[in-house]
C-alpha cells in the first residue's frame, strides 16, 4: 500500500495541469466564438447610396460628454419604448475634441410607419426631458451597417466600423456629416448625409458652439462680438475639418455633386451603359 501512494501523488499534478489546459482551450474557443458572433471578423462594407429613411421625427436628449454618457441615454430611451429604433447623432470627431467634449444627441425614432406610437407615450417622453425634432430626407448618404448580435457588437462597431467610416469619407474627399447611428436590435446602421447637413444640427449643439466661438472672438479691448458677426458664422458650426481625420479644409474639397458625378462617370465607363441615379444604391466606392 505504501508503495502505491507516491504514484498517486505524482499523478495528481498531471491531472490538474491537464484540466487547466482544457479549461484554457475551452475559454479560448468560447471567446473566439463570441467575437466571431459579435462581428469582429466582418470587413467594413461602406458605400454611397440612397438613405434607409425618409424624413425622421425623433425624441432626443442632448449630451456633451463621452460615449459612456451616450450609452446611459441609450439605455434610458430604450427603457421608455423598447420597440422603437434608437438613434444617435454625433457632431464631433473624438480625436479632435476629446471624448469628454463630444456633442451628441440620443433618442428614439417616433415616426416609423410600422411602429406608430401613442400620443401618451410622446407626452411621457416630453415629461422625461426629451425634445422633439425632425430631420429632412436626403438623396444620398455614406452608409455602413453592422450586425447587432451581442453586447460586444456595439463595441466592435465603434472601434472598427466608425474609424473605417471616417477614413472612407476622408479618402473620397466628400463632405458627409454628422455621423448618424441607428439601432433596431438586429442591425446597427451608420449614415452621414451628403446634403442638408445643417438641418441635422439641433439648437443645443449650435447654441453651445456659438458661445465658444463668441468667447474666442472677444476683442482685445473688451468688446463683445457683434450680432452681425454671429450672423456671419457658418450655420454648421462643426465643419468637416473636425469631423474627418486628416485635417482637409472644406474649401479644398470638391462638392458632393462633383464627387457623385465623377463616380457616376466611372460607373458608366465600367458598365459600358448609362447609369441612373438609382445606381448609387449599389455603388461600392472602394472598387
C-alpha atoms as a PDB file:
ATOM      1  CA  UNK A   1       0.000   0.000   0.000  1.00  0.00           C
ATOM      2  CA  UNK A   2       2.760   2.380   0.883  1.00  0.00           C
ATOM      3  CA  UNK A   3       4.408   1.905  -2.494  1.00  0.00           C
ATOM      4  CA  UNK A   4       1.255   2.961  -4.374  1.00  0.00           C
ATOM      5  CA  UNK A   5       0.835   6.272  -2.577  1.00  0.00           C
ATOM      6  CA  UNK A   6       3.776   8.038  -4.288  1.00  0.00           C
ATOM      7  CA  UNK A   7       2.362   7.059  -7.669  1.00  0.00           C
ATOM      8  CA  UNK A   8      -0.958   8.662  -6.821  1.00  0.00           C
ATOM      9  CA  UNK A   9       0.763  11.804  -5.560  1.00  0.00           C
ATOM     10  CA  UNK A  10       2.718  12.126  -8.804  1.00  0.00           C
ATOM     11  CA  UNK A  11      -0.393  11.690 -10.964  1.00  0.00           C
ATOM     12  CA  UNK A  12      -2.437  14.369  -9.208  1.00  0.00           C
ATOM     13  CA  UNK A  13      -0.438  17.382 -10.544  1.00  0.00           C
ATOM     14  CA  UNK A  14      -0.632  15.971 -14.085  1.00  0.00           C
ATOM     15  CA  UNK A  15      -4.405  15.705 -13.843  1.00  0.00           C
ATOM     16  CA  UNK A  16      -4.691  19.242 -12.531  1.00  0.00           C
ATOM     17  CA  UNK A  17      -2.446  20.603 -15.310  1.00  0.00           C
ATOM     18  CA  UNK A  18      -4.496  18.734 -17.916  1.00  0.00           C
ATOM     19  CA  UNK A  19      -7.698  20.219 -16.543  1.00  0.00           C
ATOM     20  CA  UNK A  20      -6.202  23.740 -16.570  1.00  0.00           C
ATOM     21  CA  UNK A  21      -5.077  23.338 -20.187  1.00  0.00           C
ATOM     22  CA  UNK A  22      -8.505  22.002 -21.145  1.00  0.00           C
ATOM     23  CA  UNK A  23     -10.241  24.942 -19.439  1.00  0.00           C
ATOM     24  CA  UNK A  24      -7.949  27.435 -21.193  1.00  0.00           C
ATOM     25  CA  UNK A  25      -8.653  25.828 -24.561  1.00  0.00           C
ATOM     26  CA  UNK A  26     -12.399  25.921 -23.917  1.00  0.00           C
ATOM     27  CA  UNK A  27     -12.148  29.536 -22.779  1.00  0.00           C
ATOM     28  CA  UNK A  28     -10.221  30.461 -25.928  1.00  0.00           C
ATOM     29  CA  UNK A  29     -12.781  28.724 -28.133  1.00  0.00           C
ATOM     30  CA  UNK A  30     -15.658  30.420 -26.292  1.00  0.00           C
ATOM     31  CA  UNK A  31     -14.139  33.913 -26.546  1.00  0.00           C
ATOM     32  CA  UNK A  32     -13.246  33.405 -30.214  1.00  0.00           C
ATOM     33  CA  UNK A  33     -16.776  32.204 -30.985  1.00  0.00           C
ATOM     34  CA  UNK A  34     -18.288  35.185 -29.134  1.00  0.00           C
ATOM     35  CA  UNK A  35     -16.069  37.642 -31.009  1.00  0.00           C
ATOM     36  CA  UNK A  36     -16.911  35.979 -34.312  1.00  0.00           C
ATOM     37  CA  UNK A  37     -20.619  36.092 -33.472  1.00  0.00           C
ATOM     38  CA  UNK A  38     -20.262  39.761 -32.473  1.00  0.00           C
ATOM     39  CA  UNK A  39     -18.826  40.608 -35.899  1.00  0.00           C
ATOM     40  CA  UNK A  40     -15.147  41.152 -35.101  1.00  0.00           C
ATOM     41  CA  UNK A  41     -14.049  39.399 -38.280  1.00  0.00           C
ATOM     42  CA  UNK A  42     -16.538  41.115 -40.591  1.00  0.00           C
ATOM     43  CA  UNK A  43     -14.922  43.521 -43.054  1.00  0.00           C
ATOM     44  CA  UNK A  44     -16.449  47.035 -43.142  1.00  0.00           C
ATOM     45  CA  UNK A  45     -18.829  47.488 -46.078  1.00  0.00           C
ATOM     46  CA  UNK A  46     -19.049  51.243 -46.700  1.00  0.00           C
ATOM     47  CA  UNK A  47     -20.701  52.795 -49.721  1.00  0.00           C
ATOM     48  CA  UNK A  48     -22.576  55.802 -51.079  1.00  0.00           C
ATOM     49  CA  UNK A  49     -26.253  55.110 -51.655  1.00  0.00           C
ATOM     50  CA  UNK A  50     -29.769  56.330 -51.009  1.00  0.00           C
ATOM     51  CA  UNK A  51     -30.573  56.553 -47.300  1.00  0.00           C
ATOM     52  CA  UNK A  52     -32.595  53.866 -45.486  1.00  0.00           C
ATOM     53  CA  UNK A  53     -35.039  56.530 -44.261  1.00  0.00           C
ATOM     54  CA  UNK A  54     -37.066  59.485 -45.419  1.00  0.00           C
ATOM     55  CA  UNK A  55     -37.932  62.337 -43.057  1.00  0.00           C
ATOM     56  CA  UNK A  56     -37.182  61.414 -39.464  1.00  0.00           C
ATOM     57  CA  UNK A  57     -39.064  62.593 -36.408  1.00  0.00           C
ATOM     58  CA  UNK A  58     -37.174  61.860 -33.228  1.00  0.00           C
ATOM     59  CA  UNK A  59     -37.395  62.349 -29.482  1.00  0.00           C
ATOM     60  CA  UNK A  60     -33.932  63.146 -28.169  1.00  0.00           C
ATOM     61  CA  UNK A  61     -31.741  64.387 -25.368  1.00  0.00           C
ATOM     62  CA  UNK A  62     -28.581  66.405 -25.975  1.00  0.00           C
ATOM     63  CA  UNK A  63     -25.351  65.394 -24.274  1.00  0.00           C
ATOM     64  CA  UNK A  64     -21.870  66.838 -24.237  1.00  0.00           C
ATOM     65  CA  UNK A  65     -19.685  64.059 -22.961  1.00  0.00           C
ATOM     66  CA  UNK A  66     -18.134  60.656 -23.524  1.00  0.00           C
ATOM     67  CA  UNK A  67     -19.548  57.561 -25.240  1.00  0.00           C
ATOM     68  CA  UNK A  68     -20.351  56.289 -21.736  1.00  0.00           C
ATOM     69  CA  UNK A  69     -22.709  59.238 -21.256  1.00  0.00           C
ATOM     70  CA  UNK A  70     -24.369  58.378 -24.567  1.00  0.00           C
ATOM     71  CA  UNK A  71     -24.762  54.722 -23.587  1.00  0.00           C
ATOM     72  CA  UNK A  72     -26.646  55.760 -20.456  1.00  0.00           C
ATOM     73  CA  UNK A  73     -29.058  57.792 -22.577  1.00  0.00           C
ATOM     74  CA  UNK A  74     -29.476  54.882 -24.984  1.00  0.00           C
ATOM     75  CA  UNK A  75     -30.498  52.715 -22.039  1.00  0.00           C
ATOM     76  CA  UNK A  76     -32.950  55.346 -20.805  1.00  0.00           C
ATOM     77  CA  UNK A  77     -34.512  55.826 -24.230  1.00  0.00           C
ATOM     78  CA  UNK A  78     -34.784  52.082 -24.865  1.00  0.00           C
ATOM     79  CA  UNK A  79     -36.469  51.550 -21.500  1.00  0.00           C
ATOM     80  CA  UNK A  80     -39.200  54.029 -22.458  1.00  0.00           C
ATOM     81  CA  UNK A  81     -40.077  52.336 -25.751  1.00  0.00           C
ATOM     82  CA  UNK A  82     -38.257  49.030 -26.379  1.00  0.00           C
ATOM     83  CA  UNK A  83     -39.995  48.532 -29.739  1.00  0.00           C
ATOM     84  CA  UNK A  84     -38.730  51.775 -31.270  1.00  0.00           C
ATOM     85  CA  UNK A  85     -35.418  52.213 -33.053  1.00  0.00           C
ATOM     86  CA  UNK A  86     -32.768  54.099 -31.123  1.00  0.00           C
ATOM     87  CA  UNK A  87     -30.878  56.893 -32.849  1.00  0.00           C
ATOM     88  CA  UNK A  88     -27.730  58.819 -32.036  1.00  0.00           C
ATOM     89  CA  UNK A  89     -26.270  61.778 -33.894  1.00  0.00           C
ATOM     90  CA  UNK A  90     -22.619  62.573 -33.230  1.00  0.00           C
ATOM     91  CA  UNK A  91     -21.400  66.012 -34.260  1.00  0.00           C
ATOM     92  CA  UNK A  92     -17.700  65.812 -33.343  1.00  0.00           C
ATOM     93  CA  UNK A  93     -14.709  63.617 -34.003  1.00  0.00           C
ATOM     94  CA  UNK A  94     -13.406  62.433 -30.591  1.00  0.00           C
ATOM     95  CA  UNK A  95      -9.827  62.614 -31.884  1.00  0.00           C
ATOM     96  CA  UNK A  96     -10.328  66.336 -32.471  1.00  0.00           C
ATOM     97  CA  UNK A  97     -12.244  67.420 -29.364  1.00  0.00           C
ATOM     98  CA  UNK A  98     -11.668  64.592 -26.876  1.00  0.00           C
ATOM     99  CA  UNK A  99     -14.176  62.040 -25.608  1.00  0.00           C
ATOM    100  CA  UNK A 100     -15.443  64.245 -22.784  1.00  0.00           C
ATOM    101  CA  UNK A 101     -16.344  67.161 -25.094  1.00  0.00           C
ATOM    102  CA  UNK A 102     -18.234  65.372 -27.830  1.00  0.00           C
ATOM    103  CA  UNK A 103     -21.605  66.833 -28.792  1.00  0.00           C
ATOM    104  CA  UNK A 104     -24.275  64.195 -29.427  1.00  0.00           C
ATOM    105  CA  UNK A 105     -27.978  63.597 -29.255  1.00  0.00           C
ATOM    106  CA  UNK A 106     -29.524  60.257 -28.313  1.00  0.00           C
ATOM    107  CA  UNK A 107     -33.139  59.232 -28.571  1.00  0.00           C
ATOM    108  CA  UNK A 108     -35.830  57.332 -30.454  1.00  0.00           C
ATOM    109  CA  UNK A 109     -37.324  57.453 -33.934  1.00  0.00           C
ATOM    110  CA  UNK A 110     -41.015  58.115 -33.373  1.00  0.00           C
ATOM    111  CA  UNK A 111     -42.379  58.202 -36.942  1.00  0.00           C
ATOM    112  CA  UNK A 112     -41.775  54.606 -38.043  1.00  0.00           C
ATOM    113  CA  UNK A 113     -44.741  53.696 -40.219  1.00  0.00           C
ATOM    114  CA  UNK A 114     -44.869  50.115 -38.942  1.00  0.00           C
ATOM    115  CA  UNK A 115     -44.428  51.145 -35.295  1.00  0.00           C
ATOM    116  CA  UNK A 116     -46.802  54.045 -34.587  1.00  0.00           C
ATOM    117  CA  UNK A 117     -46.625  55.426 -31.064  1.00  0.00           C
ATOM    118  CA  UNK A 118     -49.444  56.615 -28.875  1.00  0.00           C
ATOM    119  CA  UNK A 119     -49.726  60.291 -28.025  1.00  0.00           C
ATOM    120  CA  UNK A 120     -49.473  59.339 -24.347  1.00  0.00           C
ATOM    121  CA  UNK A 121     -46.012  57.853 -24.968  1.00  0.00           C
ATOM    122  CA  UNK A 122     -44.891  61.022 -26.730  1.00  0.00           C
ATOM    123  CA  UNK A 123     -46.119  63.088 -23.805  1.00  0.00           C
ATOM    124  CA  UNK A 124     -44.291  60.787 -21.406  1.00  0.00           C
ATOM    125  CA  UNK A 125     -41.085  61.376 -23.348  1.00  0.00           C
ATOM    126  CA  UNK A 126     -41.559  65.122 -23.041  1.00  0.00           C
ATOM    127  CA  UNK A 127     -42.119  64.794 -19.309  1.00  0.00           C
ATOM    128  CA  UNK A 128     -38.872  62.807 -19.058  1.00  0.00           C
ATOM    129  CA  UNK A 129     -36.983  65.703 -20.648  1.00  0.00           C
ATOM    130  CA  UNK A 130     -36.835  64.571 -24.277  1.00  0.00           C
ATOM    131  CA  UNK A 131     -37.207  67.131 -27.069  1.00  0.00           C
ATOM    132  CA  UNK A 132     -38.957  66.543 -30.406  1.00  0.00           C
ATOM    133  CA  UNK A 133     -37.366  67.467 -33.740  1.00  0.00           C
ATOM    134  CA  UNK A 134     -37.405  66.443 -37.396  1.00  0.00           C
ATOM    135  CA  UNK A 135     -34.585  65.659 -39.807  1.00  0.00           C
ATOM    136  CA  UNK A 136     -35.092  66.063 -43.570  1.00  0.00           C
ATOM    137  CA  UNK A 137     -34.983  63.414 -46.263  1.00  0.00           C
ATOM    138  CA  UNK A 138     -31.780  63.494 -48.343  1.00  0.00           C
ATOM    139  CA  UNK A 139     -30.845  61.999 -51.695  1.00  0.00           C
ATOM    140  CA  UNK A 140     -27.577  60.284 -50.830  1.00  0.00           C
ATOM    141  CA  UNK A 141     -25.588  59.295 -47.752  1.00  0.00           C
ATOM    142  CA  UNK A 142     -22.406  57.478 -46.882  1.00  0.00           C
ATOM    143  CA  UNK A 143     -23.688  54.194 -45.486  1.00  0.00           C
ATOM    144  CA  UNK A 144     -22.441  51.220 -43.466  1.00  0.00           C
ATOM    145  CA  UNK A 145     -24.213  48.579 -41.443  1.00  0.00           C
ATOM    146  CA  UNK A 146     -23.155  46.005 -38.887  1.00  0.00           C
ATOM    147  CA  UNK A 147     -24.961  43.069 -37.254  1.00  0.00           C
ATOM    148  CA  UNK A 148     -26.101  43.651 -33.676  1.00  0.00           C
ATOM    149  CA  UNK A 149     -25.761  40.101 -32.400  1.00  0.00           C
ATOM    150  CA  UNK A 150     -24.466  40.621 -28.858  1.00  0.00           C
ATOM    151  CA  UNK A 151     -23.491  43.226 -26.284  1.00  0.00           C
ATOM    152  CA  UNK A 152     -19.988  43.231 -27.822  1.00  0.00           C
ATOM    153  CA  UNK A 153     -21.300  44.178 -31.274  1.00  0.00           C
ATOM    154  CA  UNK A 154     -21.595  47.839 -30.294  1.00  0.00           C
ATOM    155  CA  UNK A 155     -18.002  47.943 -29.041  1.00  0.00           C
ATOM    156  CA  UNK A 156     -16.744  46.236 -32.181  1.00  0.00           C
ATOM    157  CA  UNK A 157     -18.688  48.653 -34.395  1.00  0.00           C
ATOM    158  CA  UNK A 158     -17.439  51.747 -32.542  1.00  0.00           C
ATOM    159  CA  UNK A 159     -13.812  50.638 -32.697  1.00  0.00           C
ATOM    160  CA  UNK A 160     -13.813  49.071 -36.163  1.00  0.00           C
ATOM    161  CA  UNK A 161     -16.603  50.408 -38.358  1.00  0.00           C
ATOM    162  CA  UNK A 162     -16.626  54.068 -37.255  1.00  0.00           C
ATOM    163  CA  UNK A 163     -12.869  54.682 -37.877  1.00  0.00           C
ATOM    164  CA  UNK A 164     -13.161  52.994 -41.285  1.00  0.00           C
ATOM    165  CA  UNK A 165     -16.263  55.108 -41.994  1.00  0.00           C
ATOM    166  CA  UNK A 166     -14.411  58.361 -41.258  1.00  0.00           C
ATOM    167  CA  UNK A 167     -11.359  57.225 -43.236  1.00  0.00           C
ATOM    168  CA  UNK A 168     -13.604  56.450 -46.202  1.00  0.00           C
ATOM    169  CA  UNK A 169     -15.018  59.990 -46.144  1.00  0.00           C
ATOM    170  CA  UNK A 170     -11.520  61.448 -45.931  1.00  0.00           C
ATOM    171  CA  UNK A 171     -10.176  59.356 -48.812  1.00  0.00           C
ATOM    172  CA  UNK A 172     -13.147  60.134 -51.077  1.00  0.00           C
ATOM    173  CA  UNK A 173     -12.872  63.846 -50.158  1.00  0.00           C
ATOM    174  CA  UNK A 174     -16.595  64.270 -49.681  1.00  0.00           C
ATOM    175  CA  UNK A 175     -18.481  66.399 -47.187  1.00  0.00           C
ATOM    176  CA  UNK A 176     -20.525  63.879 -45.226  1.00  0.00           C
ATOM    177  CA  UNK A 177     -21.589  64.718 -41.663  1.00  0.00           C
ATOM    178  CA  UNK A 178     -22.822  64.433 -38.948  1.00  0.00           C
ATOM    179  CA  UNK A 179     -22.473  60.734 -38.111  1.00  0.00           C
ATOM    180  CA  UNK A 180     -25.890  59.168 -37.508  1.00  0.00           C
ATOM    181  CA  UNK A 181     -26.236  55.815 -35.753  1.00  0.00           C
ATOM    182  CA  UNK A 182     -29.498  53.845 -35.865  1.00  0.00           C
ATOM    183  CA  UNK A 183     -30.067  50.637 -33.884  1.00  0.00           C
ATOM    184  CA  UNK A 184     -33.059  48.321 -34.151  1.00  0.00           C
ATOM    185  CA  UNK A 185     -31.812  45.406 -32.058  1.00  0.00           C
ATOM    186  CA  UNK A 186     -30.777  43.384 -35.123  1.00  0.00           C
ATOM    187  CA  UNK A 187     -28.557  45.789 -37.040  1.00  0.00           C
ATOM    188  CA  UNK A 188     -26.514  48.930 -36.403  1.00  0.00           C
ATOM    189  CA  UNK A 189     -26.653  51.391 -39.290  1.00  0.00           C
ATOM    190  CA  UNK A 190     -24.267  54.310 -39.767  1.00  0.00           C
ATOM    191  CA  UNK A 191     -25.070  57.110 -42.212  1.00  0.00           C
ATOM    192  CA  UNK A 192     -23.654  60.548 -42.926  1.00  0.00           C
ATOM    193  CA  UNK A 193     -25.726  62.909 -45.119  1.00  0.00           C
ATOM    194  CA  UNK A 194     -24.209  64.335 -48.294  1.00  0.00           C
ATOM    195  CA  UNK A 195     -26.564  67.323 -48.284  1.00  0.00           C
ATOM    196  CA  UNK A 196     -28.681  69.452 -45.914  1.00  0.00           C
ATOM    197  CA  UNK A 197     -26.125  68.837 -43.151  1.00  0.00           C
ATOM    198  CA  UNK A 198     -27.039  71.992 -41.241  1.00  0.00           C
ATOM    199  CA  UNK A 199     -30.605  70.698 -40.804  1.00  0.00           C
ATOM    200  CA  UNK A 200     -29.291  67.787 -38.724  1.00  0.00           C
ATOM    201  CA  UNK A 201     -27.888  70.113 -36.050  1.00  0.00           C
ATOM    202  CA  UNK A 202     -30.184  70.622 -33.072  1.00  0.00           C
ATOM    203  CA  UNK A 203     -30.281  74.029 -31.452  1.00  0.00           C
ATOM    204  CA  UNK A 204     -28.477  72.866 -28.297  1.00  0.00           C
ATOM    205  CA  UNK A 205     -25.378  71.903 -30.304  1.00  0.00           C
ATOM    206  CA  UNK A 206     -25.356  75.191 -32.221  1.00  0.00           C
ATOM    207  CA  UNK A 207     -26.002  77.278 -29.095  1.00  0.00           C
ATOM    208  CA  UNK A 208     -23.049  75.779 -27.246  1.00  0.00           C
ATOM    209  CA  UNK A 209     -20.791  76.233 -30.266  1.00  0.00           C
ATOM    210  CA  UNK A 210     -21.796  79.868 -30.706  1.00  0.00           C
ATOM    211  CA  UNK A 211     -20.967  80.543 -27.044  1.00  0.00           C
ATOM    212  CA  UNK A 212     -17.497  79.057 -27.522  1.00  0.00           C
ATOM    213  CA  UNK A 213     -16.835  80.990 -30.713  1.00  0.00           C
ATOM    214  CA  UNK A 214     -18.116  84.190 -29.126  1.00  0.00           C
ATOM    215  CA  UNK A 215     -15.661  83.806 -26.233  1.00  0.00           C
ATOM    216  CA  UNK A 216     -12.797  83.150 -28.619  1.00  0.00           C
ATOM    217  CA  UNK A 217     -13.624  86.139 -30.803  1.00  0.00           C
ATOM    218  CA  UNK A 218     -13.915  88.642 -27.960  1.00  0.00           C
ATOM    219  CA  UNK A 219     -11.940  91.727 -28.980  1.00  0.00           C
ATOM    220  CA  UNK A 220      -8.792  92.533 -27.005  1.00  0.00           C
ATOM    221  CA  UNK A 221     -10.191  95.860 -25.770  1.00  0.00           C
ATOM    222  CA  UNK A 222     -13.082  94.043 -24.074  1.00  0.00           C
ATOM    223  CA  UNK A 223     -15.748  94.473 -26.757  1.00  0.00           C
ATOM    224  CA  UNK A 224     -18.015  91.508 -27.267  1.00  0.00           C
ATOM    225  CA  UNK A 225     -18.691  90.001 -30.666  1.00  0.00           C
ATOM    226  CA  UNK A 226     -21.432  91.877 -32.500  1.00  0.00           C
ATOM    227  CA  UNK A 227     -24.705  90.344 -33.599  1.00  0.00           C
ATOM    228  CA  UNK A 228     -23.577  90.826 -37.198  1.00  0.00           C
ATOM    229  CA  UNK A 229     -20.530  88.667 -36.525  1.00  0.00           C
ATOM    230  CA  UNK A 230     -22.750  85.951 -35.077  1.00  0.00           C
ATOM    231  CA  UNK A 231     -24.973  86.034 -38.152  1.00  0.00           C
ATOM    232  CA  UNK A 232     -21.909  85.543 -40.340  1.00  0.00           C
ATOM    233  CA  UNK A 233     -20.909  82.348 -38.522  1.00  0.00           C
ATOM    234  CA  UNK A 234     -21.390  79.169 -40.563  1.00  0.00           C
ATOM    235  CA  UNK A 235     -24.742  77.532 -39.964  1.00  0.00           C
ATOM    236  CA  UNK A 236     -22.987  74.231 -39.349  1.00  0.00           C
ATOM    237  CA  UNK A 237     -20.584  75.115 -36.599  1.00  0.00           C
ATOM    238  CA  UNK A 238     -18.891  71.712 -36.634  1.00  0.00           C
ATOM    239  CA  UNK A 239     -17.296  71.634 -40.077  1.00  0.00           C
ATOM    240  CA  UNK A 240     -15.847  68.716 -41.961  1.00  0.00           C
ATOM    241  CA  UNK A 241     -12.418  69.800 -40.652  1.00  0.00           C
ATOM    242  CA  UNK A 242     -13.252  68.490 -37.172  1.00  0.00           C
ATOM    243  CA  UNK A 243     -15.320  65.527 -38.294  1.00  0.00           C
ATOM    244  CA  UNK A 244     -12.840  63.949 -40.700  1.00  0.00           C
ATOM    245  CA  UNK A 245      -9.362  62.841 -39.782  1.00  0.00           C
ATOM    246  CA  UNK A 246      -6.518  64.305 -41.775  1.00  0.00           C
ATOM    247  CA  UNK A 247      -7.304  67.994 -41.470  1.00  0.00           C
ATOM    248  CA  UNK A 248      -8.513  68.663 -45.034  1.00  0.00           C
ATOM    249  CA  UNK A 249     -10.172  72.056 -45.383  1.00  0.00           C
ATOM    250  CA  UNK A 250     -13.722  72.335 -46.656  1.00  0.00           C
ATOM    251  CA  UNK A 251     -12.745  74.811 -49.338  1.00  0.00           C
ATOM    252  CA  UNK A 252     -10.141  72.372 -50.662  1.00  0.00           C
ATOM    253  CA  UNK A 253     -12.705  69.600 -51.095  1.00  0.00           C
ATOM    254  CA  UNK A 254     -14.819  69.131 -54.212  1.00  0.00           C
ATOM    255  CA  UNK A 255     -18.549  69.461 -53.775  1.00  0.00           C
ATOM    256  CA  UNK A 256     -20.556  66.324 -53.174  1.00  0.00           C
ATOM    257  CA  UNK A 257     -22.271  66.853 -56.517  1.00  0.00           C
ATOM    258  CA  UNK A 258     -18.895  66.830 -58.291  1.00  0.00           C
ATOM    259  CA  UNK A 259     -17.848  63.673 -56.488  1.00  0.00           C
ATOM    260  CA  UNK A 260     -21.110  61.889 -57.258  1.00  0.00           C
ATOM    261  CA  UNK A 261     -20.908  62.989 -60.919  1.00  0.00           C
ATOM    262  CA  UNK A 262     -17.370  61.649 -61.122  1.00  0.00           C
ATOM    263  CA  UNK A 263     -18.409  58.362 -59.555  1.00  0.00           C
ATOM    264  CA  UNK A 264     -21.338  58.093 -61.943  1.00  0.00           C
ATOM    265  CA  UNK A 265     -18.965  58.653 -64.906  1.00  0.00           C
ATOM    266  CA  UNK A 266     -16.743  55.858 -63.600  1.00  0.00           C
ATOM    267  CA  UNK A 267     -19.780  53.623 -63.285  1.00  0.00           C
ATOM    268  CA  UNK A 268     -20.786  54.358 -66.860  1.00  0.00           C
ATOM    269  CA  UNK A 269     -17.303  53.593 -68.126  1.00  0.00           C
ATOM    270  CA  UNK A 270     -17.043  50.315 -66.234  1.00  0.00           C
ATOM    271  CA  UNK A 271     -20.506  49.091 -67.256  1.00  0.00           C
ATOM    272  CA  UNK A 272     -20.493  50.466 -70.779  1.00  0.00           C
ATOM    273  CA  UNK A 273     -24.033  51.746 -70.373  1.00  0.00           C
ATOM    274  CA  UNK A 274     -25.945  54.692 -68.973  1.00  0.00           C
ATOM    275  CA  UNK A 275     -26.097  54.708 -65.181  1.00  0.00           C
ATOM    276  CA  UNK A 276     -29.059  56.268 -63.498  1.00  0.00           C
ATOM    277  CA  UNK A 277     -29.197  57.963 -60.135  1.00  0.00           C
ATOM    278  CA  UNK A 278     -30.504  54.679 -58.779  1.00  0.00           C
ATOM    279  CA  UNK A 279     -27.056  53.140 -59.431  1.00  0.00           C
ATOM    280  CA  UNK A 280     -25.805  54.798 -56.260  1.00  0.00           C
ATOM    281  CA  UNK A 281     -27.823  52.294 -54.261  1.00  0.00           C
ATOM    282  CA  UNK A 282     -25.406  49.523 -55.337  1.00  0.00           C
ATOM    283  CA  UNK A 283     -22.310  51.695 -55.750  1.00  0.00           C
ATOM    284  CA  UNK A 284     -19.196  50.469 -53.953  1.00  0.00           C
ATOM    285  CA  UNK A 285     -16.804  53.386 -53.941  1.00  0.00           C
ATOM    286  CA  UNK A 286     -13.886  51.140 -52.974  1.00  0.00           C
ATOM    287  CA  UNK A 287     -13.997  49.309 -56.279  1.00  0.00           C
END
